[in-house]
Amino acid sequence: MIETIEQLLLNNRRFVAEQLMQDPAYFDHLAEGQHPQFLWIGCSDSRVSPNLITGTASGDMFVHRNIANLVVQTDMNLLSVLQYAVDVLQVRHVIVCGHYGCGGVKAALDNHEHGLIDNWLRTVKDTRQYFGRELDGLDDEARFRRLVELNVVEQVYNLGKTNVVRQSWRARGQPWIHGWVFDLASGHIHPQTPMIGDDAGLAAICKFHAGVAAP
């Protein structure tokens, strides 16, 4: 485990040298601009590196991360990232990716007070309540994993309800939106939703439309 700032700087110099050996113009190309096809909305967890687990390079993916990979309609940080990615960069895909073992989801499951973060996690706690009938029938570990999955689906639904995504769907039929869960224990990504690009696709994952939760 890297523990010092000095090691980070040494690693940076090694990174520069290695890139220049492979491609002397690497940083010239990097400085020219970005044209990513993907926006990643993920958890801030240090174990989940978007580029590493998807095999993408610098410039391939625009990234926003927060605790428990939430899409909150009043989060101006996320909405600003989303608008820039969709309207300016015109990404083709927006991925919401959670992960098993998520500390934020775990905190939303228990009955303890955690301070300021309890306000942020309110949406996960609401999901826990909406799907109570399904979740209460599971053991602790299965409940934890299932809430991670349900949280991702709910955030994809929230994403599809933003004005940024809806206006872009009308204007250019994109972006496609996706819900994934990353398994820390295996390294595999498990899709939780199909590719969604319209209201019909959004309705298919809606808890009320499917009748799995009471409004």
C-alpha atoms as a PDB file:
ATOM      1  CA  MET A   1       0.000   0.000   0.000  1.00  0.00           C
ATOM      2  CA  ILE A   2       1.305   3.459  -0.921  1.00  0.00           C
ATOM      3  CA  GLU A   3       1.370   5.684   2.137  1.00  0.00           C
ATOM      4  CA  THR A   4       3.522   8.715   1.333  1.00  0.00           C
ATOM      5  CA  ILE A   5       3.208  11.761  -0.899  1.00  0.00           C
ATOM      6  CA  GLU A   6       6.814  11.278  -1.993  1.00  0.00           C
ATOM      7  CA  GLN A   7       5.943   7.875  -3.428  1.00  0.00           C
ATOM      8  CA  LEU A   8       3.095   9.398  -5.417  1.00  0.00           C
ATOM      9  CA  LEU A   9       5.456  11.927  -6.990  1.00  0.00           C
ATOM     10  CA  LEU A  10       8.022   9.231  -7.775  1.00  0.00           C
ATOM     11  CA  ASN A  11       5.265   7.169  -9.387  1.00  0.00           C
ATOM     12  CA  ASN A  12       4.258  10.172 -11.474  1.00  0.00           C
ATOM     13  CA  ARG A  13       7.777  10.585 -12.841  1.00  0.00           C
ATOM     14  CA  ARG A  14       7.890   6.879 -13.637  1.00  0.00           C
ATOM     15  CA  PHE A  15       4.506   7.168 -15.378  1.00  0.00           C
ATOM     16  CA  VAL A  16       5.756  10.054 -17.540  1.00  0.00           C
ATOM     17  CA  ALA A  17       8.905   8.185 -18.528  1.00  0.00           C
ATOM     18  CA  GLU A  18       7.004   5.024 -19.420  1.00  0.00           C
ATOM     19  CA  GLN A  19       4.435   6.868 -21.530  1.00  0.00           C
ATOM     20  CA  LEU A  20       7.094   8.780 -23.432  1.00  0.00           C
ATOM     21  CA  MET A  21       8.967   5.562 -24.163  1.00  0.00           C
ATOM     22  CA  GLN A  22       5.833   4.094 -25.717  1.00  0.00           C
ATOM     23  CA  ASP A  23       4.720   7.254 -27.505  1.00  0.00           C
ATOM     24  CA  PRO A  24       6.851  10.439 -27.518  1.00  0.00           C
ATOM     25  CA  ALA A  25       3.760  12.468 -28.515  1.00  0.00           C
ATOM     26  CA  TYR A  26       1.485  10.979 -25.807  1.00  0.00           C
ATOM     27  CA  PHE A  27       1.162  14.136 -23.730  1.00  0.00           C
ATOM     28  CA  ASP A  28       0.852  16.344 -26.818  1.00  0.00           C
ATOM     29  CA  HIS A  29      -2.204  14.314 -27.838  1.00  0.00           C
ATOM     30  CA  LEU A  30      -3.558  14.341 -24.280  1.00  0.00           C
ATOM     31  CA  ALA A  31      -3.340  18.130 -24.140  1.00  0.00           C
ATOM     32  CA  GLU A  32      -5.261  18.586 -27.394  1.00  0.00           C
ATOM     33  CA  GLY A  33      -8.636  17.928 -25.752  1.00  0.00           C
ATOM     34  CA  GLN A  34     -11.003  15.197 -24.661  1.00  0.00           C
ATOM     35  CA  HIS A  35     -13.588  13.277 -26.659  1.00  0.00           C
ATOM     36  CA  PRO A  36     -14.930  10.604 -24.291  1.00  0.00           C
ATOM     37  CA  GLN A  37     -17.842   8.405 -25.277  1.00  0.00           C
ATOM     38  CA  PHE A  38     -18.751   7.539 -21.687  1.00  0.00           C
ATOM     39  CA  LEU A  39     -19.775   9.310 -18.495  1.00  0.00           C
ATOM     40  CA  TRP A  40     -19.190   7.252 -15.349  1.00  0.00           C
ATOM     41  CA  ILE A  41     -21.215   8.032 -12.221  1.00  0.00           C
ATOM     42  CA  GLY A  42     -19.683   5.901  -9.512  1.00  0.00           C
ATOM     43  CA  CYS A  43     -18.911   5.562  -5.844  1.00  0.00           C
ATOM     44  CA  SER A  44     -15.968   7.381  -4.255  1.00  0.00           C
ATOM     45  CA  ASP A  45     -14.673   4.093  -2.822  1.00  0.00           C
ATOM     46  CA  SER A  46     -10.902   3.885  -3.366  1.00  0.00           C
ATOM     47  CA  ARG A  47     -11.121   0.258  -4.492  1.00  0.00           C
ATOM     48  CA  VAL A  48     -13.235   1.004  -7.563  1.00  0.00           C
ATOM     49  CA  SER A  49     -11.157   2.625 -10.311  1.00  0.00           C
ATOM     50  CA  PRO A  50     -13.296   3.222 -13.430  1.00  0.00           C
ATOM     51  CA  ASN A  51     -10.463   3.135 -15.960  1.00  0.00           C
ATOM     52  CA  LEU A  52      -8.765   0.148 -14.361  1.00  0.00           C
ATOM     53  CA  ILE A  53     -11.828  -2.116 -14.206  1.00  0.00           C
ATOM     54  CA  THR A  54     -13.048  -1.223 -17.714  1.00  0.00           C
ATOM     55  CA  GLY A  55      -9.675  -1.210 -19.459  1.00  0.00           C
ATOM     56  CA  THR A  56     -10.134   2.354 -20.675  1.00  0.00           C
ATOM     57  CA  ALA A  57      -7.394   4.926 -21.149  1.00  0.00           C
ATOM     58  CA  SER A  58      -7.058   8.583 -20.251  1.00  0.00           C
ATOM     59  CA  GLY A  59      -9.561  10.554 -22.314  1.00  0.00           C
ATOM     60  CA  ASP A  60     -11.977   7.639 -22.799  1.00  0.00           C
ATOM     61  CA  MET A  61     -14.238   8.308 -19.836  1.00  0.00           C
ATOM     62  CA  PHE A  62     -15.627  11.404 -18.122  1.00  0.00           C
ATOM     63  CA  VAL A  63     -16.007  10.655 -14.397  1.00  0.00           C
ATOM     64  CA  HIS A  64     -18.154  11.805 -11.489  1.00  0.00           C
ATOM     65  CA  ARG A  65     -17.943  10.062  -8.122  1.00  0.00           C
ATOM     66  CA  ASN A  66     -19.779  10.453  -4.822  1.00  0.00           C
ATOM     67  CA  ILE A  67     -20.721   8.382  -1.799  1.00  0.00           C
ATOM     68  CA  ALA A  68     -22.956   5.476  -2.916  1.00  0.00           C
ATOM     69  CA  ASN A  69     -23.081   6.621  -6.583  1.00  0.00           C
ATOM     70  CA  LEU A  70     -26.231   8.698  -6.151  1.00  0.00           C
ATOM     71  CA  VAL A  71     -28.094  10.765  -8.744  1.00  0.00           C
ATOM     72  CA  VAL A  72     -29.801  13.455  -6.678  1.00  0.00           C
ATOM     73  CA  GLN A  73     -31.930  15.984  -8.544  1.00  0.00           C
ATOM     74  CA  THR A  74     -30.708  18.872  -6.354  1.00  0.00           C
ATOM     75  CA  ASP A  75     -27.002  18.011  -6.598  1.00  0.00           C
ATOM     76  CA  MET A  76     -25.628  20.844  -8.711  1.00  0.00           C
ATOM     77  CA  ASN A  77     -22.205  19.235  -8.866  1.00  0.00           C
ATOM     78  CA  LEU A  78     -23.541  16.093 -10.511  1.00  0.00           C
ATOM     79  CA  LEU A  79     -25.993  17.988 -12.725  1.00  0.00           C
ATOM     80  CA  SER A  80     -23.214  20.272 -13.964  1.00  0.00           C
ATOM     81  CA  VAL A  81     -21.024  17.280 -14.807  1.00  0.00           C
ATOM     82  CA  LEU A  82     -23.971  15.600 -16.511  1.00  0.00           C
ATOM     83  CA  GLN A  83     -24.843  18.639 -18.597  1.00  0.00           C
ATOM     84  CA  TYR A  84     -21.248  19.155 -19.716  1.00  0.00           C
ATOM     85  CA  ALA A  85     -20.848  15.481 -20.594  1.00  0.00           C
ATOM     86  CA  VAL A  86     -24.142  15.227 -22.480  1.00  0.00           C
ATOM     87  CA  ASP A  87     -24.488  18.659 -24.086  1.00  0.00           C
ATOM     88  CA  VAL A  88     -20.861  19.615 -24.740  1.00  0.00           C
ATOM     89  CA  LEU A  89     -18.919  16.359 -24.944  1.00  0.00           C
ATOM     90  CA  GLN A  90     -21.976  14.530 -26.310  1.00  0.00           C
ATOM     91  CA  VAL A  91     -21.142  11.231 -24.669  1.00  0.00           C
ATOM     92  CA  ARG A  92     -23.042   8.264 -26.048  1.00  0.00           C
ATOM     93  CA  HIS A  93     -23.375   6.355 -22.775  1.00  0.00           C
ATOM     94  CA  VAL A  94     -23.893   7.256 -19.120  1.00  0.00           C
ATOM     95  CA  ILE A  95     -23.120   4.494 -16.630  1.00  0.00           C
ATOM     96  CA  VAL A  96     -24.197   4.422 -12.994  1.00  0.00           C
ATOM     97  CA  CYS A  97     -21.933   1.902 -11.277  1.00  0.00           C
ATOM     98  CA  GLY A  98     -22.268   0.748  -7.685  1.00  0.00           C
ATOM     99  CA  HIS A  99     -20.328  -2.002  -5.960  1.00  0.00           C
ATOM    100  CA  TYR A 100     -20.952  -4.792  -3.492  1.00  0.00           C
ATOM    101  CA  GLY A 101     -19.619  -3.940  -0.056  1.00  0.00           C
ATOM    102  CA  CYS A 102     -20.489  -0.248  -0.446  1.00  0.00           C
ATOM    103  CA  GLY A 103     -20.053   1.533   2.898  1.00  0.00           C
ATOM    104  CA  GLY A 104     -22.691   4.107   2.062  1.00  0.00           C
ATOM    105  CA  VAL A 105     -25.329   1.490   1.361  1.00  0.00           C
ATOM    106  CA  LYS A 106     -24.339  -0.385   4.505  1.00  0.00           C
ATOM    107  CA  ALA A 107     -24.744   2.793   6.561  1.00  0.00           C
ATOM    108  CA  ALA A 108     -28.220   3.279   5.066  1.00  0.00           C
ATOM    109  CA  LEU A 109     -29.189  -0.232   6.158  1.00  0.00           C
ATOM    110  CA  ASP A 110     -28.481   0.107   9.869  1.00  0.00           C
ATOM    111  CA  ASN A 111     -30.320   2.153  12.462  1.00  0.00           C
ATOM    112  CA  HIS A 112     -27.313   4.099  13.723  1.00  0.00           C
ATOM    113  CA  GLU A 113     -26.698   7.813  13.306  1.00  0.00           C
ATOM    114  CA  HIS A 114     -23.628   8.671  11.247  1.00  0.00           C
ATOM    115  CA  GLY A 115     -23.785  12.452  11.189  1.00  0.00           C
ATOM    116  CA  LEU A 116     -23.952  14.628   8.085  1.00  0.00           C
ATOM    117  CA  ILE A 117     -23.862  11.683   5.698  1.00  0.00           C
ATOM    118  CA  ASP A 118     -27.271  10.525   6.953  1.00  0.00           C
ATOM    119  CA  ASN A 119     -28.804  13.397   4.965  1.00  0.00           C
ATOM    120  CA  TRP A 120     -26.962  12.366   1.816  1.00  0.00           C
ATOM    121  CA  LEU A 121     -27.990   8.737   2.220  1.00  0.00           C
ATOM    122  CA  ARG A 122     -31.670   9.573   2.654  1.00  0.00           C
ATOM    123  CA  THR A 123     -32.399   8.426  -0.886  1.00  0.00           C
ATOM    124  CA  VAL A 124     -30.854   4.996  -0.205  1.00  0.00           C
ATOM    125  CA  LYS A 125     -32.902   4.697   2.976  1.00  0.00           C
ATOM    126  CA  ASP A 126     -35.999   5.519   0.943  1.00  0.00           C
ATOM    127  CA  THR A 127     -35.115   2.730  -1.467  1.00  0.00           C
ATOM    128  CA  ARG A 128     -34.725   0.404   1.509  1.00  0.00           C
ATOM    129  CA  GLN A 129     -38.245   1.334   2.566  1.00  0.00           C
ATOM    130  CA  TYR A 130     -39.799   1.072  -0.900  1.00  0.00           C
ATOM    131  CA  PHE A 131     -38.464  -2.454  -1.360  1.00  0.00           C
ATOM    132  CA  GLY A 132     -38.992  -3.508   2.244  1.00  0.00           C
ATOM    133  CA  ARG A 133     -41.136  -6.506   1.366  1.00  0.00           C
ATOM    134  CA  GLU A 134     -38.420  -7.967  -0.834  1.00  0.00           C
ATOM    135  CA  LEU A 135     -35.484  -7.047   1.387  1.00  0.00           C
ATOM    136  CA  ASP A 136     -36.961  -8.169   4.694  1.00  0.00           C
ATOM    137  CA  GLY A 137     -37.175 -11.727   3.456  1.00  0.00           C
ATOM    138  CA  LEU A 138     -33.413 -11.962   2.915  1.00  0.00           C
ATOM    139  CA  ASP A 139     -30.552 -12.700   5.293  1.00  0.00           C
ATOM    140  CA  ASP A 140     -28.190  -9.860   6.202  1.00  0.00           C
ATOM    141  CA  GLU A 141     -25.600 -10.424   3.467  1.00  0.00           C
ATOM    142  CA  ALA A 142     -28.174 -11.017   0.736  1.00  0.00           C
ATOM    143  CA  ARG A 143     -30.103  -7.911   1.850  1.00  0.00           C
ATOM    144  CA  PHE A 144     -26.926  -5.826   1.676  1.00  0.00           C
ATOM    145  CA  ARG A 145     -26.087  -7.041  -1.829  1.00  0.00           C
ATOM    146  CA  ARG A 146     -29.636  -6.639  -3.068  1.00  0.00           C
ATOM    147  CA  LEU A 147     -29.878  -3.072  -1.778  1.00  0.00           C
ATOM    148  CA  VAL A 148     -26.668  -2.256  -3.651  1.00  0.00           C
ATOM    149  CA  GLU A 149     -28.357  -3.511  -6.827  1.00  0.00           C
ATOM    150  CA  LEU A 150     -31.659  -1.761  -6.179  1.00  0.00           C
ATOM    151  CA  ASN A 151     -29.860   1.480  -5.416  1.00  0.00           C
ATOM    152  CA  VAL A 152     -28.169   1.362  -8.814  1.00  0.00           C
ATOM    153  CA  VAL A 153     -31.493   0.770 -10.584  1.00  0.00           C
ATOM    154  CA  GLU A 154     -33.069   3.666  -8.684  1.00  0.00           C
ATOM    155  CA  GLN A 155     -30.232   6.002  -9.624  1.00  0.00           C
ATOM    156  CA  VAL A 156     -30.549   5.050 -13.293  1.00  0.00           C
ATOM    157  CA  TYR A 157     -34.232   5.903 -13.038  1.00  0.00           C
ATOM    158  CA  ASN A 158     -33.363   9.250 -11.414  1.00  0.00           C
ATOM    159  CA  LEU A 159     -30.852   9.876 -14.193  1.00  0.00           C
ATOM    160  CA  GLY A 160     -33.482   9.280 -16.849  1.00  0.00           C
ATOM    161  CA  LYS A 161     -35.731  11.850 -15.188  1.00  0.00           C
ATOM    162  CA  THR A 162     -33.200  14.698 -15.340  1.00  0.00           C
ATOM    163  CA  ASN A 163     -33.981  17.453 -17.822  1.00  0.00           C
ATOM    164  CA  VAL A 164     -30.472  17.083 -19.284  1.00  0.00           C
ATOM    165  CA  VAL A 165     -31.025  13.478 -20.324  1.00  0.00           C
ATOM    166  CA  ARG A 166     -34.616  13.991 -21.411  1.00  0.00           C
ATOM    167  CA  GLN A 167     -33.790  16.973 -23.623  1.00  0.00           C
ATOM    168  CA  SER A 168     -30.906  15.050 -25.190  1.00  0.00           C
ATOM    169  CA  TRP A 169     -33.150  12.056 -25.866  1.00  0.00           C
ATOM    170  CA  ARG A 170     -35.526  14.340 -27.756  1.00  0.00           C
ATOM    171  CA  ALA A 171     -32.743  16.108 -29.638  1.00  0.00           C
ATOM    172  CA  ARG A 172     -30.429  13.260 -30.630  1.00  0.00           C
ATOM    173  CA  GLY A 173     -31.765   9.994 -29.218  1.00  0.00           C
ATOM    174  CA  GLN A 174     -28.830   9.629 -26.827  1.00  0.00           C
ATOM    175  CA  PRO A 175     -27.261   9.031 -24.371  1.00  0.00           C
ATOM    176  CA  TRP A 176     -27.943   5.430 -23.529  1.00  0.00           C
ATOM    177  CA  ILE A 177     -28.045   4.970 -19.759  1.00  0.00           C
ATOM    178  CA  HIS A 178     -26.900   1.877 -17.883  1.00  0.00           C
ATOM    179  CA  GLY A 179     -26.840   0.468 -14.348  1.00  0.00           C
ATOM    180  CA  TRP A 180     -23.937  -1.737 -13.270  1.00  0.00           C
ATOM    181  CA  VAL A 181     -22.618  -3.290 -10.075  1.00  0.00           C
ATOM    182  CA  PHE A 182     -18.934  -4.101  -9.637  1.00  0.00           C
ATOM    183  CA  ASP A 183     -18.051  -7.159  -7.569  1.00  0.00           C
ATOM    184  CA  LEU A 184     -14.916  -6.479  -5.531  1.00  0.00           C
ATOM    185  CA  ALA A 185     -14.515 -10.182  -4.754  1.00  0.00           C
ATOM    186  CA  SER A 186     -14.386 -11.323  -8.386  1.00  0.00           C
ATOM    187  CA  GLY A 187     -13.563  -8.200 -10.395  1.00  0.00           C
ATOM    188  CA  HIS A 188     -16.602  -8.701 -12.623  1.00  0.00           C
ATOM    189  CA  ILE A 189     -19.192  -6.085 -13.582  1.00  0.00           C
ATOM    190  CA  HIS A 190     -22.829  -7.184 -13.386  1.00  0.00           C
ATOM    191  CA  PRO A 191     -25.333  -5.134 -15.429  1.00  0.00           C
ATOM    192  CA  GLN A 192     -28.553  -4.416 -13.521  1.00  0.00           C
ATOM    193  CA  THR A 193     -30.496  -2.682 -16.291  1.00  0.00           C
ATOM    194  CA  PRO A 194     -30.694  -2.963 -20.059  1.00  0.00           C
ATOM    195  CA  MET A 195     -29.523  -0.096 -22.237  1.00  0.00           C
ATOM    196  CA  ILE A 196     -32.147   2.612 -21.797  1.00  0.00           C
ATOM    197  CA  GLY A 197     -32.714   5.393 -24.286  1.00  0.00           C
ATOM    198  CA  ASP A 198     -36.350   6.403 -23.961  1.00  0.00           C
ATOM    199  CA  ASP A 199     -39.363   6.586 -21.647  1.00  0.00           C
ATOM    200  CA  ALA A 200     -40.420   3.030 -22.419  1.00  0.00           C
ATOM    201  CA  GLY A 201     -37.077   1.718 -21.223  1.00  0.00           C
ATOM    202  CA  LEU A 202     -37.307   3.888 -18.139  1.00  0.00           C
ATOM    203  CA  ALA A 203     -40.808   2.635 -17.350  1.00  0.00           C
ATOM    204  CA  ALA A 204     -39.547  -0.945 -17.476  1.00  0.00           C
ATOM    205  CA  ILE A 205     -37.339  -0.345 -14.417  1.00  0.00           C
ATOM    206  CA  CYS A 206     -39.809   1.858 -12.522  1.00  0.00           C
ATOM    207  CA  LYS A 207     -40.796   0.311  -9.181  1.00  0.00           C
ATOM    208  CA  PHE A 208     -44.286   1.820  -9.395  1.00  0.00           C
ATOM    209  CA  HIS A 209     -44.846   0.789 -13.013  1.00  0.00           C
ATOM    210  CA  ALA A 210     -43.796  -2.754 -12.138  1.00  0.00           C
ATOM    211  CA  GLY A 211     -45.954  -2.762  -9.038  1.00  0.00           C
ATOM    212  CA  VAL A 212     -43.154  -3.856  -6.724  1.00  0.00           C
ATOM    213  CA  ALA A 213     -43.456  -0.852  -4.422  1.00  0.00           C
ATOM    214  CA  ALA A 214     -46.316   1.243  -3.153  1.00  0.00           C
ATOM    215  CA  PRO A 215     -46.235   4.957  -4.081  1.00  0.00           C
END
